[in-house]
Amino acid sequence: MMDLNGKTILVTGGTGSFGQRCCQALYRRYDLKKLIIFSRDESKQFKMMSHFNNGRVRFVIGDVRDGRRLLEAAHGVDAIIHAAALKQVPQAEYNPFEYVKTNILGTQNVIEVACEAGVDRVITTSTDKAVNPLNHYGATKLCADKLFIAANYYMSEYNIRFACVRMGNLIGSRGSVIPVIREMSKSGKVTITDPRMSRFWLTLDQSVDFVLARLQDMQGGEIFVPRTPTMKLTELLETVAPGCEVEVTGIRPGEKIDEILISRHEARQTVKFKDYYVVLPDYTNVVEYARKTGSEPVADDFEYTSNDDSYPLKKEEMQRILEREKI
């Protein structure tokens, strides 16, 4: 268990929706030696500065594509939270090379820099779209995840741990469908690509809590998956845009009807805790891991999909979240 107090933490993508909330939580909860917020957006960094009023917070302008700049920022760092990524599904289909440069090559830079700088552990945020990917964005995130997991054994001489956190849609994040629906509803008409669609929904605070907890207890090589409520998009429309006319436009390139957080192919390496799952690397003995940790191996045919209604997000709860987040 890693105690974050007294540590130096670097957050890539620190001015993104998740990154900002994560940095705020680190700043409030822990007595850090230093918090380094790394991103390429100087305007967002300037706005964030008003939330931090001591010399232990350092803002660094840089891009994960630039390994040299990243190395300059990583000296003396104990842990990295890698949240920098390009994330828009339609944009990825039309700008594929740019997504490779950031999501894959940028992740490779994070791994190599972490080893060179002597970082103790690194955790990255991933997405349900990396599971059985149909779109270019998901494919780049799948590759990034595999780089992270493989780094635990091909970089083993550096005595560093790498792990992933795989999550669904983050309520309140920039680019979320919810503000788009809100804006469309002003006209009295909203569009939906397919009424059968379902998605996983997690608040930004829940995602931050989960990532920070797993950063502290990770052993290396895990893909952590929080138990996440699901909601159909038709129910989301009823919550966000009640009474509006609904037009079905058809599925866009790269979209799925349902999302998957754990595939059936991963089930043989997956264990379940009370509130989350862990997909273990192939070299881990699942039975032995479960015995030591008090977890439980899942069934061989297990699959964690958003059309599973055993843990639904009720419309009333979604409304409370939207009011709390001021969305």
C-alpha atoms as a PDB file:
ATOM      1  CA  MET A   1       0.000   0.000   0.000  1.00  0.00           C
ATOM      2  CA  MET A   2       1.496   3.313  -1.112  1.00  0.00           C
ATOM      3  CA  ASP A   3       0.979   6.315   1.179  1.00  0.00           C
ATOM      4  CA  LEU A   4       0.641   9.367  -1.068  1.00  0.00           C
ATOM      5  CA  ASN A   5       1.512  11.805   1.704  1.00  0.00           C
ATOM      6  CA  GLY A   6       4.973  13.271   1.151  1.00  0.00           C
ATOM      7  CA  LYS A   7       5.065  12.031  -2.451  1.00  0.00           C
ATOM      8  CA  THR A   8       5.521  13.882  -5.736  1.00  0.00           C
ATOM      9  CA  ILE A   9       2.724  13.089  -8.191  1.00  0.00           C
ATOM     10  CA  LEU A  10       2.663  13.934 -11.901  1.00  0.00           C
ATOM     11  CA  VAL A  11      -0.701  14.046 -13.694  1.00  0.00           C
ATOM     12  CA  THR A  12      -0.602  14.055 -17.496  1.00  0.00           C
ATOM     13  CA  GLY A  13      -3.653  15.587 -19.098  1.00  0.00           C
ATOM     14  CA  GLY A  14      -4.027  17.501 -15.851  1.00  0.00           C
ATOM     15  CA  THR A  15      -6.310  20.166 -17.347  1.00  0.00           C
ATOM     16  CA  GLY A  16      -8.833  17.704 -18.772  1.00  0.00           C
ATOM     17  CA  SER A  17     -12.154  16.975 -17.056  1.00  0.00           C
ATOM     18  CA  PHE A  18     -10.827  13.990 -15.143  1.00  0.00           C
ATOM     19  CA  GLY A  19      -7.382  15.540 -14.708  1.00  0.00           C
ATOM     20  CA  GLN A  20      -8.691  18.713 -13.077  1.00  0.00           C
ATOM     21  CA  ARG A  21     -10.927  16.829 -10.647  1.00  0.00           C
ATOM     22  CA  CYS A  22      -8.098  14.407  -9.849  1.00  0.00           C
ATOM     23  CA  CYS A  23      -5.611  17.223  -9.169  1.00  0.00           C
ATOM     24  CA  GLN A  24      -8.097  18.970  -6.907  1.00  0.00           C
ATOM     25  CA  ALA A  25      -8.620  15.754  -4.925  1.00  0.00           C
ATOM     26  CA  LEU A  26      -4.876  15.150  -4.578  1.00  0.00           C
ATOM     27  CA  TYR A  27      -4.390  18.733  -3.418  1.00  0.00           C
ATOM     28  CA  ARG A  28      -7.175  18.556  -0.805  1.00  0.00           C
ATOM     29  CA  ARG A  29      -6.667  15.061   0.571  1.00  0.00           C
ATOM     30  CA  TYR A  30      -2.914  14.574   0.796  1.00  0.00           C
ATOM     31  CA  ASP A  31       0.101  16.420   2.092  1.00  0.00           C
ATOM     32  CA  LEU A  32       2.025  16.047  -1.135  1.00  0.00           C
ATOM     33  CA  LYS A  33       5.626  17.057  -1.538  1.00  0.00           C
ATOM     34  CA  LYS A  34       4.732  18.303  -4.999  1.00  0.00           C
ATOM     35  CA  LEU A  35       1.873  18.051  -7.499  1.00  0.00           C
ATOM     36  CA  ILE A  36       2.915  18.463 -11.141  1.00  0.00           C
ATOM     37  CA  ILE A  37       0.122  19.282 -13.583  1.00  0.00           C
ATOM     38  CA  PHE A  38       1.289  18.475 -17.112  1.00  0.00           C
ATOM     39  CA  SER A  39      -0.750  19.532 -20.156  1.00  0.00           C
ATOM     40  CA  ARG A  40      -0.470  21.432 -23.418  1.00  0.00           C
ATOM     41  CA  ASP A  41      -3.274  23.946 -22.752  1.00  0.00           C
ATOM     42  CA  GLU A  42      -1.856  27.125 -21.194  1.00  0.00           C
ATOM     43  CA  SER A  43      -5.284  28.772 -20.993  1.00  0.00           C
ATOM     44  CA  LYS A  44      -6.756  25.978 -18.889  1.00  0.00           C
ATOM     45  CA  GLN A  45      -3.639  25.935 -16.726  1.00  0.00           C
ATOM     46  CA  PHE A  46      -4.024  29.651 -16.074  1.00  0.00           C
ATOM     47  CA  LYS A  47      -7.658  29.161 -14.999  1.00  0.00           C
ATOM     48  CA  MET A  48      -6.691  26.252 -12.741  1.00  0.00           C
ATOM     49  CA  MET A  49      -4.015  28.234 -10.911  1.00  0.00           C
ATOM     50  CA  SER A  50      -6.627  30.085  -8.847  1.00  0.00           C
ATOM     51  CA  HIS A  51      -7.582  26.788  -7.164  1.00  0.00           C
ATOM     52  CA  PHE A  52      -4.071  26.137  -5.844  1.00  0.00           C
ATOM     53  CA  ASN A  53      -2.366  28.598  -3.527  1.00  0.00           C
ATOM     54  CA  ASN A  54       0.926  27.064  -2.451  1.00  0.00           C
ATOM     55  CA  GLY A  55       4.322  26.450  -3.962  1.00  0.00           C
ATOM     56  CA  ARG A  56       3.948  22.688  -3.970  1.00  0.00           C
ATOM     57  CA  VAL A  57       1.831  22.785  -7.144  1.00  0.00           C
ATOM     58  CA  ARG A  58       3.725  23.154 -10.392  1.00  0.00           C
ATOM     59  CA  PHE A  59       2.163  23.682 -13.831  1.00  0.00           C
ATOM     60  CA  VAL A  60       4.160  22.386 -16.789  1.00  0.00           C
ATOM     61  CA  ILE A  61       3.226  23.075 -20.406  1.00  0.00           C
ATOM     62  CA  GLY A  62       4.040  20.047 -22.509  1.00  0.00           C
ATOM     63  CA  ASP A  63       2.699  17.249 -24.675  1.00  0.00           C
ATOM     64  CA  VAL A  64       3.087  13.519 -24.026  1.00  0.00           C
ATOM     65  CA  ARG A  65       4.197  13.276 -27.652  1.00  0.00           C
ATOM     66  CA  ASP A  66       7.369  15.103 -26.569  1.00  0.00           C
ATOM     67  CA  GLY A  67       9.345  12.580 -24.538  1.00  0.00           C
ATOM     68  CA  ARG A  68      12.145  14.989 -23.710  1.00  0.00           C
ATOM     69  CA  ARG A  69       9.771  17.558 -22.203  1.00  0.00           C
ATOM     70  CA  LEU A  70       7.986  14.821 -20.285  1.00  0.00           C
ATOM     71  CA  LEU A  71      11.300  13.612 -18.875  1.00  0.00           C
ATOM     72  CA  GLU A  72      12.106  17.119 -17.653  1.00  0.00           C
ATOM     73  CA  ALA A  73       8.809  17.133 -15.750  1.00  0.00           C
ATOM     74  CA  ALA A  74       9.225  13.615 -14.333  1.00  0.00           C
ATOM     75  CA  HIS A  75      12.496  14.015 -12.429  1.00  0.00           C
ATOM     76  CA  GLY A  76      11.939  13.270  -8.744  1.00  0.00           C
ATOM     77  CA  VAL A  77       8.408  11.983  -9.317  1.00  0.00           C
ATOM     78  CA  ASP A  78       7.138   9.039  -7.238  1.00  0.00           C
ATOM     79  CA  ALA A  79       3.960   8.251  -9.208  1.00  0.00           C
ATOM     80  CA  ILE A  80       2.338   9.213 -12.502  1.00  0.00           C
ATOM     81  CA  ILE A  81      -1.375   9.316 -13.268  1.00  0.00           C
ATOM     82  CA  HIS A  82      -1.536   9.198 -17.054  1.00  0.00           C
ATOM     83  CA  ALA A  83      -4.808  10.786 -18.176  1.00  0.00           C
ATOM     84  CA  ALA A  84      -3.676  12.541 -21.370  1.00  0.00           C
ATOM     85  CA  ALA A  85      -5.505  11.298 -24.454  1.00  0.00           C
ATOM     86  CA  LEU A  86      -7.484  12.288 -27.516  1.00  0.00           C
ATOM     87  CA  LYS A  87     -10.971  10.910 -26.893  1.00  0.00           C
ATOM     88  CA  GLN A  88     -13.600  11.919 -29.469  1.00  0.00           C
ATOM     89  CA  VAL A  89     -14.812   8.881 -31.423  1.00  0.00           C
ATOM     90  CA  PRO A  90     -15.916  10.666 -34.651  1.00  0.00           C
ATOM     91  CA  GLN A  91     -12.774  12.821 -34.708  1.00  0.00           C
ATOM     92  CA  ALA A  92     -10.615   9.721 -34.413  1.00  0.00           C
ATOM     93  CA  GLU A  93     -12.134   8.255 -37.567  1.00  0.00           C
ATOM     94  CA  TYR A  94     -11.095  11.325 -39.595  1.00  0.00           C
ATOM     95  CA  ASN A  95      -7.796  12.113 -37.827  1.00  0.00           C
ATOM     96  CA  PRO A  96      -6.381   8.637 -37.151  1.00  0.00           C
ATOM     97  CA  PHE A  97      -2.671   9.528 -37.242  1.00  0.00           C
ATOM     98  CA  GLU A  98      -3.125  12.187 -34.559  1.00  0.00           C
ATOM     99  CA  TYR A  99      -4.766   9.666 -32.224  1.00  0.00           C
ATOM    100  CA  VAL A 100      -1.896   7.230 -32.759  1.00  0.00           C
ATOM    101  CA  LYS A 101       0.642   9.945 -31.916  1.00  0.00           C
ATOM    102  CA  THR A 102      -1.040  10.885 -28.630  1.00  0.00           C
ATOM    103  CA  ASN A 103      -2.748   7.725 -27.396  1.00  0.00           C
ATOM    104  CA  ILE A 104      -0.133   5.156 -28.434  1.00  0.00           C
ATOM    105  CA  LEU A 105       3.201   6.902 -28.942  1.00  0.00           C
ATOM    106  CA  GLY A 106       2.458   9.294 -26.084  1.00  0.00           C
ATOM    107  CA  THR A 107       1.783   6.333 -23.807  1.00  0.00           C
ATOM    108  CA  GLN A 108       5.051   4.731 -24.898  1.00  0.00           C
ATOM    109  CA  ASN A 109       6.795   7.969 -23.921  1.00  0.00           C
ATOM    110  CA  VAL A 110       5.174   7.878 -20.475  1.00  0.00           C
ATOM    111  CA  ILE A 111       6.406   4.320 -19.923  1.00  0.00           C
ATOM    112  CA  GLU A 112       9.961   5.006 -21.062  1.00  0.00           C
ATOM    113  CA  VAL A 113      10.189   8.297 -19.168  1.00  0.00           C
ATOM    114  CA  ALA A 114       8.854   6.688 -15.984  1.00  0.00           C
ATOM    115  CA  CYS A 115      11.589   4.064 -16.146  1.00  0.00           C
ATOM    116  CA  GLU A 116      14.341   6.558 -16.923  1.00  0.00           C
ATOM    117  CA  ALA A 117      13.223   8.937 -14.173  1.00  0.00           C
ATOM    118  CA  GLY A 118      12.948   6.198 -11.527  1.00  0.00           C
ATOM    119  CA  VAL A 119       9.208   6.533 -10.889  1.00  0.00           C
ATOM    120  CA  ASP A 120       7.755   3.907  -8.504  1.00  0.00           C
ATOM    121  CA  ARG A 121       4.357   3.339 -10.097  1.00  0.00           C
ATOM    122  CA  VAL A 122       2.230   4.547 -12.989  1.00  0.00           C
ATOM    123  CA  ILE A 123      -1.508   4.166 -13.540  1.00  0.00           C
ATOM    124  CA  THR A 124      -3.436   5.093 -16.685  1.00  0.00           C
ATOM    125  CA  THR A 125      -7.098   5.759 -17.393  1.00  0.00           C
ATOM    126  CA  SER A 126      -8.712   3.656 -20.091  1.00  0.00           C
ATOM    127  CA  THR A 127     -12.159   3.193 -21.586  1.00  0.00           C
ATOM    128  CA  ASP A 128     -14.817   0.591 -22.302  1.00  0.00           C
ATOM    129  CA  LYS A 129     -14.250   1.363 -25.981  1.00  0.00           C
ATOM    130  CA  ALA A 130     -10.883  -0.429 -25.746  1.00  0.00           C
ATOM    131  CA  VAL A 131     -12.727  -3.750 -25.339  1.00  0.00           C
ATOM    132  CA  ASN A 132     -13.428  -5.452 -28.686  1.00  0.00           C
ATOM    133  CA  PRO A 133     -12.931  -2.051 -30.368  1.00  0.00           C
ATOM    134  CA  LEU A 134     -14.984  -1.072 -33.402  1.00  0.00           C
ATOM    135  CA  ASN A 135     -13.572   2.424 -33.738  1.00  0.00           C
ATOM    136  CA  HIS A 136     -10.118   3.917 -34.126  1.00  0.00           C
ATOM    137  CA  TYR A 137     -10.207   5.624 -30.732  1.00  0.00           C
ATOM    138  CA  GLY A 138     -10.924   2.319 -28.998  1.00  0.00           C
ATOM    139  CA  ALA A 139      -8.177   0.615 -30.976  1.00  0.00           C
ATOM    140  CA  THR A 140      -5.595   3.187 -29.886  1.00  0.00           C
ATOM    141  CA  LYS A 141      -6.648   2.828 -26.251  1.00  0.00           C
ATOM    142  CA  LEU A 142      -6.477  -0.967 -26.487  1.00  0.00           C
ATOM    143  CA  CYS A 143      -2.926  -0.665 -27.764  1.00  0.00           C
ATOM    144  CA  ALA A 144      -2.059   1.792 -24.978  1.00  0.00           C
ATOM    145  CA  ASP A 145      -3.450  -0.608 -22.362  1.00  0.00           C
ATOM    146  CA  LYS A 146      -1.413  -3.479 -23.740  1.00  0.00           C
ATOM    147  CA  LEU A 147       1.732  -1.347 -23.683  1.00  0.00           C
ATOM    148  CA  PHE A 148       1.100  -0.595 -20.011  1.00  0.00           C
ATOM    149  CA  ILE A 149       0.490  -4.198 -19.008  1.00  0.00           C
ATOM    150  CA  ALA A 150       3.450  -5.514 -21.021  1.00  0.00           C
ATOM    151  CA  ALA A 151       5.726  -2.870 -19.473  1.00  0.00           C
ATOM    152  CA  ASN A 152       5.572  -4.731 -16.157  1.00  0.00           C
ATOM    153  CA  TYR A 153       7.698  -7.561 -17.498  1.00  0.00           C
ATOM    154  CA  TYR A 154       9.761  -6.027 -20.288  1.00  0.00           C
ATOM    155  CA  MET A 155      10.696  -3.111 -17.981  1.00  0.00           C
ATOM    156  CA  SER A 156      10.981  -5.347 -14.892  1.00  0.00           C
ATOM    157  CA  GLU A 157      14.648  -4.431 -14.305  1.00  0.00           C
ATOM    158  CA  TYR A 158      13.491  -0.923 -13.362  1.00  0.00           C
ATOM    159  CA  ASN A 159      11.394  -2.178 -10.420  1.00  0.00           C
ATOM    160  CA  ILE A 160       8.384  -0.094 -11.465  1.00  0.00           C
ATOM    161  CA  ARG A 161       4.680  -0.986 -11.491  1.00  0.00           C
ATOM    162  CA  PHE A 162       2.185  -0.186 -14.262  1.00  0.00           C
ATOM    163  CA  ALA A 163      -1.604  -0.656 -14.116  1.00  0.00           C
ATOM    164  CA  CYS A 164      -4.772   0.479 -15.923  1.00  0.00           C
ATOM    165  CA  VAL A 165      -8.198   1.641 -14.807  1.00  0.00           C
ATOM    166  CA  ARG A 166     -10.937   0.938 -17.358  1.00  0.00           C
ATOM    167  CA  MET A 167     -14.116   3.013 -17.066  1.00  0.00           C
ATOM    168  CA  GLY A 168     -17.295   3.889 -18.971  1.00  0.00           C
ATOM    169  CA  ASN A 169     -18.760   7.331 -19.665  1.00  0.00           C
ATOM    170  CA  LEU A 170     -17.876  10.016 -17.127  1.00  0.00           C
ATOM    171  CA  ILE A 171     -20.826  12.232 -16.277  1.00  0.00           C
ATOM    172  CA  GLY A 172     -19.793  15.863 -16.511  1.00  0.00           C
ATOM    173  CA  SER A 173     -16.674  15.362 -18.597  1.00  0.00           C
ATOM    174  CA  ARG A 174     -16.072  17.602 -21.594  1.00  0.00           C
ATOM    175  CA  GLY A 175     -17.433  16.009 -24.730  1.00  0.00           C
ATOM    176  CA  SER A 176     -20.066  14.075 -22.781  1.00  0.00           C
ATOM    177  CA  VAL A 177     -23.338  13.509 -24.627  1.00  0.00           C
ATOM    178  CA  ILE A 178     -25.372  15.076 -21.805  1.00  0.00           C
ATOM    179  CA  PRO A 179     -24.563  18.773 -22.504  1.00  0.00           C
ATOM    180  CA  VAL A 180     -25.201  18.089 -26.198  1.00  0.00           C
ATOM    181  CA  ILE A 181     -28.661  16.730 -25.406  1.00  0.00           C
ATOM    182  CA  ARG A 182     -29.329  19.697 -23.112  1.00  0.00           C
ATOM    183  CA  GLU A 183     -28.522  22.101 -25.939  1.00  0.00           C
ATOM    184  CA  MET A 184     -30.638  20.218 -28.496  1.00  0.00           C
ATOM    185  CA  SER A 185     -33.605  20.092 -26.111  1.00  0.00           C
ATOM    186  CA  LYS A 186     -33.959  23.885 -26.288  1.00  0.00           C
ATOM    187  CA  SER A 187     -35.459  23.419 -29.752  1.00  0.00           C
ATOM    188  CA  GLY A 188     -37.922  20.821 -28.497  1.00  0.00           C
ATOM    189  CA  LYS A 189     -36.293  18.096 -30.595  1.00  0.00           C
ATOM    190  CA  VAL A 190     -33.374  15.764 -29.852  1.00  0.00           C
ATOM    191  CA  THR A 191     -31.629  13.133 -31.955  1.00  0.00           C
ATOM    192  CA  ILE A 192     -30.493   9.658 -30.988  1.00  0.00           C
ATOM    193  CA  THR A 193     -28.515   7.292 -33.148  1.00  0.00           C
ATOM    194  CA  ASP A 194     -30.237   4.096 -31.984  1.00  0.00           C
ATOM    195  CA  PRO A 195     -32.890   3.670 -29.224  1.00  0.00           C
ATOM    196  CA  ARG A 196     -31.442   0.296 -28.200  1.00  0.00           C
ATOM    197  CA  MET A 197     -28.160   1.814 -27.002  1.00  0.00           C
ATOM    198  CA  SER A 198     -27.004   1.466 -23.409  1.00  0.00           C
ATOM    199  CA  ARG A 199     -23.944   2.867 -21.656  1.00  0.00           C
ATOM    200  CA  PHE A 200     -21.999   2.705 -18.380  1.00  0.00           C
ATOM    201  CA  TRP A 201     -22.214   5.921 -16.313  1.00  0.00           C
ATOM    202  CA  LEU A 202     -19.808   7.063 -13.605  1.00  0.00           C
ATOM    203  CA  THR A 203     -19.426  10.489 -11.996  1.00  0.00           C
ATOM    204  CA  LEU A 204     -16.105  12.308 -12.168  1.00  0.00           C
ATOM    205  CA  ASP A 205     -15.740  12.101  -8.382  1.00  0.00           C
ATOM    206  CA  GLN A 206     -16.364   8.357  -8.417  1.00  0.00           C
ATOM    207  CA  SER A 207     -13.756   7.894 -11.131  1.00  0.00           C
ATOM    208  CA  VAL A 208     -11.191   9.949  -9.220  1.00  0.00           C
ATOM    209  CA  ASP A 209     -11.831   8.061  -5.969  1.00  0.00           C
ATOM    210  CA  PHE A 210     -11.379   4.767  -7.775  1.00  0.00           C
ATOM    211  CA  VAL A 211      -8.170   5.744  -9.573  1.00  0.00           C
ATOM    212  CA  LEU A 212      -6.527   7.108  -6.417  1.00  0.00           C
ATOM    213  CA  ALA A 213      -7.465   4.003  -4.422  1.00  0.00           C
ATOM    214  CA  ARG A 214      -6.043   1.702  -7.075  1.00  0.00           C
ATOM    215  CA  LEU A 215      -2.879   3.802  -7.414  1.00  0.00           C
ATOM    216  CA  GLN A 216      -2.189   3.068  -3.771  1.00  0.00           C
ATOM    217  CA  ASP A 217      -2.902  -0.679  -3.752  1.00  0.00           C
ATOM    218  CA  MET A 218      -1.865  -1.771  -7.272  1.00  0.00           C
ATOM    219  CA  GLN A 219       0.694  -4.561  -7.592  1.00  0.00           C
ATOM    220  CA  GLY A 220       1.416  -4.103 -11.307  1.00  0.00           C
ATOM    221  CA  GLY A 221      -0.178  -5.570 -14.426  1.00  0.00           C
ATOM    222  CA  GLU A 222      -3.810  -5.190 -13.381  1.00  0.00           C
ATOM    223  CA  ILE A 223      -6.709  -3.712 -15.323  1.00  0.00           C
ATOM    224  CA  PHE A 224      -9.094  -2.395 -12.662  1.00  0.00           C
ATOM    225  CA  VAL A 225     -12.793  -2.094 -13.554  1.00  0.00           C
ATOM    226  CA  PRO A 226     -15.220  -0.410 -11.140  1.00  0.00           C
ATOM    227  CA  ARG A 227     -18.698  -1.854 -10.752  1.00  0.00           C
ATOM    228  CA  THR A 228     -20.608   0.727 -12.754  1.00  0.00           C
ATOM    229  CA  PRO A 229     -24.342   1.460 -13.139  1.00  0.00           C
ATOM    230  CA  THR A 230     -25.872   1.347 -16.606  1.00  0.00           C
ATOM    231  CA  MET A 231     -28.591   3.330 -18.339  1.00  0.00           C
ATOM    232  CA  LYS A 232     -30.202   3.162 -21.752  1.00  0.00           C
ATOM    233  CA  LEU A 233     -29.937   6.308 -23.842  1.00  0.00           C
ATOM    234  CA  THR A 234     -33.720   6.459 -24.152  1.00  0.00           C
ATOM    235  CA  GLU A 235     -33.933   6.742 -20.354  1.00  0.00           C
ATOM    236  CA  LEU A 236     -31.202   9.387 -20.415  1.00  0.00           C
ATOM    237  CA  LEU A 237     -33.291  11.394 -22.884  1.00  0.00           C
ATOM    238  CA  GLU A 238     -36.330  11.096 -20.618  1.00  0.00           C
ATOM    239  CA  THR A 239     -34.193  12.495 -17.781  1.00  0.00           C
ATOM    240  CA  VAL A 240     -32.302  15.235 -19.599  1.00  0.00           C
ATOM    241  CA  ALA A 241     -34.848  16.243 -22.258  1.00  0.00           C
ATOM    242  CA  PRO A 242     -38.320  15.195 -21.057  1.00  0.00           C
ATOM    243  CA  GLY A 243     -41.154  15.820 -23.490  1.00  0.00           C
ATOM    244  CA  CYS A 244     -38.907  16.469 -26.475  1.00  0.00           C
ATOM    245  CA  GLU A 245     -39.515  14.968 -29.887  1.00  0.00           C
ATOM    246  CA  VAL A 246     -36.964  12.220 -30.597  1.00  0.00           C
ATOM    247  CA  GLU A 247     -35.474  11.636 -34.044  1.00  0.00           C
ATOM    248  CA  VAL A 248     -33.499   8.443 -34.766  1.00  0.00           C
ATOM    249  CA  THR A 249     -30.573   9.207 -37.079  1.00  0.00           C
ATOM    250  CA  GLY A 250     -28.768   5.856 -37.276  1.00  0.00           C
ATOM    251  CA  ILE A 251     -25.504   4.612 -35.810  1.00  0.00           C
ATOM    252  CA  ARG A 252     -22.415   6.690 -36.593  1.00  0.00           C
ATOM    253  CA  PRO A 253     -19.120   5.132 -37.737  1.00  0.00           C
ATOM    254  CA  GLY A 254     -17.472   3.218 -34.901  1.00  0.00           C
ATOM    255  CA  GLU A 255     -20.466   3.223 -32.512  1.00  0.00           C
ATOM    256  CA  LYS A 256     -21.748   0.170 -30.645  1.00  0.00           C
ATOM    257  CA  ILE A 257     -25.239  -0.659 -29.416  1.00  0.00           C
ATOM    258  CA  ASP A 258     -23.832  -1.690 -26.033  1.00  0.00           C
ATOM    259  CA  GLU A 259     -20.415  -1.176 -24.471  1.00  0.00           C
ATOM    260  CA  ILE A 260     -18.267  -3.820 -22.781  1.00  0.00           C
ATOM    261  CA  LEU A 261     -15.991  -3.333 -19.781  1.00  0.00           C
ATOM    262  CA  ILE A 262     -14.830  -6.953 -19.520  1.00  0.00           C
ATOM    263  CA  SER A 263     -14.997  -9.337 -22.458  1.00  0.00           C
ATOM    264  CA  ARG A 264     -15.655 -13.062 -22.275  1.00  0.00           C
ATOM    265  CA  HIS A 265     -12.088 -13.649 -23.457  1.00  0.00           C
ATOM    266  CA  GLU A 266     -10.812 -11.868 -20.329  1.00  0.00           C
ATOM    267  CA  ALA A 267     -13.037 -13.800 -17.917  1.00  0.00           C
ATOM    268  CA  ARG A 268     -10.511 -16.555 -17.225  1.00  0.00           C
ATOM    269  CA  GLN A 269      -8.113 -13.927 -15.830  1.00  0.00           C
ATOM    270  CA  THR A 270     -10.717 -11.884 -13.942  1.00  0.00           C
ATOM    271  CA  VAL A 271     -11.553 -11.769 -10.236  1.00  0.00           C
ATOM    272  CA  LYS A 272     -14.314  -9.931  -8.410  1.00  0.00           C
ATOM    273  CA  PHE A 273     -14.109  -7.817  -5.277  1.00  0.00           C
ATOM    274  CA  LYS A 274     -17.134  -6.206  -3.631  1.00  0.00           C
ATOM    275  CA  ASP A 275     -17.154  -3.037  -5.721  1.00  0.00           C
ATOM    276  CA  TYR A 276     -14.815  -3.758  -8.609  1.00  0.00           C
ATOM    277  CA  TYR A 277     -13.232  -6.348 -10.879  1.00  0.00           C
ATOM    278  CA  VAL A 278      -9.585  -6.956 -11.694  1.00  0.00           C
ATOM    279  CA  VAL A 279      -8.411  -8.364 -15.018  1.00  0.00           C
ATOM    280  CA  LEU A 280      -5.082  -9.976 -14.220  1.00  0.00           C
ATOM    281  CA  PRO A 281      -2.163 -10.392 -16.635  1.00  0.00           C
ATOM    282  CA  ASP A 282      -1.749 -13.771 -18.304  1.00  0.00           C
ATOM    283  CA  TYR A 283       1.270 -14.647 -16.177  1.00  0.00           C
ATOM    284  CA  THR A 284      -0.736 -14.398 -12.922  1.00  0.00           C
ATOM    285  CA  ASN A 285      -2.202 -17.467 -11.221  1.00  0.00           C
ATOM    286  CA  VAL A 286      -5.821 -16.394 -10.741  1.00  0.00           C
ATOM    287  CA  VAL A 287      -6.687 -18.971  -8.089  1.00  0.00           C
ATOM    288  CA  GLU A 288      -3.658 -18.070  -5.982  1.00  0.00           C
ATOM    289  CA  TYR A 289      -4.340 -14.338  -6.386  1.00  0.00           C
ATOM    290  CA  ALA A 290      -7.949 -14.817  -5.308  1.00  0.00           C
ATOM    291  CA  ARG A 291      -6.882 -16.805  -2.247  1.00  0.00           C
ATOM    292  CA  LYS A 292      -4.414 -14.154  -1.134  1.00  0.00           C
ATOM    293  CA  THR A 293      -6.698 -11.175  -1.727  1.00  0.00           C
ATOM    294  CA  GLY A 294     -10.072 -12.551  -0.676  1.00  0.00           C
ATOM    295  CA  SER A 295     -11.487 -12.019  -4.158  1.00  0.00           C
ATOM    296  CA  GLU A 296     -13.465 -14.491  -6.263  1.00  0.00           C
ATOM    297  CA  PRO A 297     -12.753 -15.701  -9.815  1.00  0.00           C
ATOM    298  CA  VAL A 298     -15.652 -14.964 -12.181  1.00  0.00           C
ATOM    299  CA  ALA A 299     -17.328 -17.638 -14.315  1.00  0.00           C
ATOM    300  CA  ASP A 300     -15.588 -18.656 -17.529  1.00  0.00           C
ATOM    301  CA  ASP A 301     -18.429 -17.240 -19.637  1.00  0.00           C
ATOM    302  CA  PHE A 302     -18.612 -13.950 -17.704  1.00  0.00           C
ATOM    303  CA  GLU A 303     -18.983 -10.748 -19.718  1.00  0.00           C
ATOM    304  CA  TYR A 304     -19.549  -7.272 -18.275  1.00  0.00           C
ATOM    305  CA  THR A 305     -21.757  -5.330 -20.688  1.00  0.00           C
ATOM    306  CA  SER A 306     -23.912  -2.225 -20.423  1.00  0.00           C
ATOM    307  CA  ASN A 307     -27.065  -4.118 -21.400  1.00  0.00           C
ATOM    308  CA  ASP A 308     -26.880  -5.949 -18.051  1.00  0.00           C
ATOM    309  CA  ASP A 309     -29.685  -4.327 -16.058  1.00  0.00           C
ATOM    310  CA  SER A 310     -28.681  -5.844 -12.690  1.00  0.00           C
ATOM    311  CA  TYR A 311     -27.175  -2.496 -11.618  1.00  0.00           C
ATOM    312  CA  PRO A 312     -29.293   0.202 -13.297  1.00  0.00           C
ATOM    313  CA  LEU A 313     -28.818   3.919 -12.843  1.00  0.00           C
ATOM    314  CA  LYS A 314     -32.301   5.161 -11.995  1.00  0.00           C
ATOM    315  CA  LYS A 315     -33.575   8.304 -13.653  1.00  0.00           C
ATOM    316  CA  GLU A 316     -34.071   9.944 -10.245  1.00  0.00           C
ATOM    317  CA  GLU A 317     -30.442   9.318  -9.302  1.00  0.00           C
ATOM    318  CA  MET A 318     -29.202  10.632 -12.649  1.00  0.00           C
ATOM    319  CA  GLN A 319     -31.256  13.785 -12.098  1.00  0.00           C
ATOM    320  CA  ARG A 320     -29.694  14.266  -8.658  1.00  0.00           C
ATOM    321  CA  ILE A 321     -26.220  13.842 -10.180  1.00  0.00           C
ATOM    322  CA  LEU A 322     -26.934  16.377 -12.909  1.00  0.00           C
ATOM    323  CA  GLU A 323     -28.198  18.886 -10.340  1.00  0.00           C
ATOM    324  CA  ARG A 324     -25.190  18.314  -8.098  1.00  0.00           C
ATOM    325  CA  GLU A 325     -22.759  18.664 -11.010  1.00  0.00           C
ATOM    326  CA  LYS A 326     -24.710  21.652 -12.374  1.00  0.00           C
ATOM    327  CA  ILE A 327     -24.975  20.091 -15.819  1.00  0.00           C
END
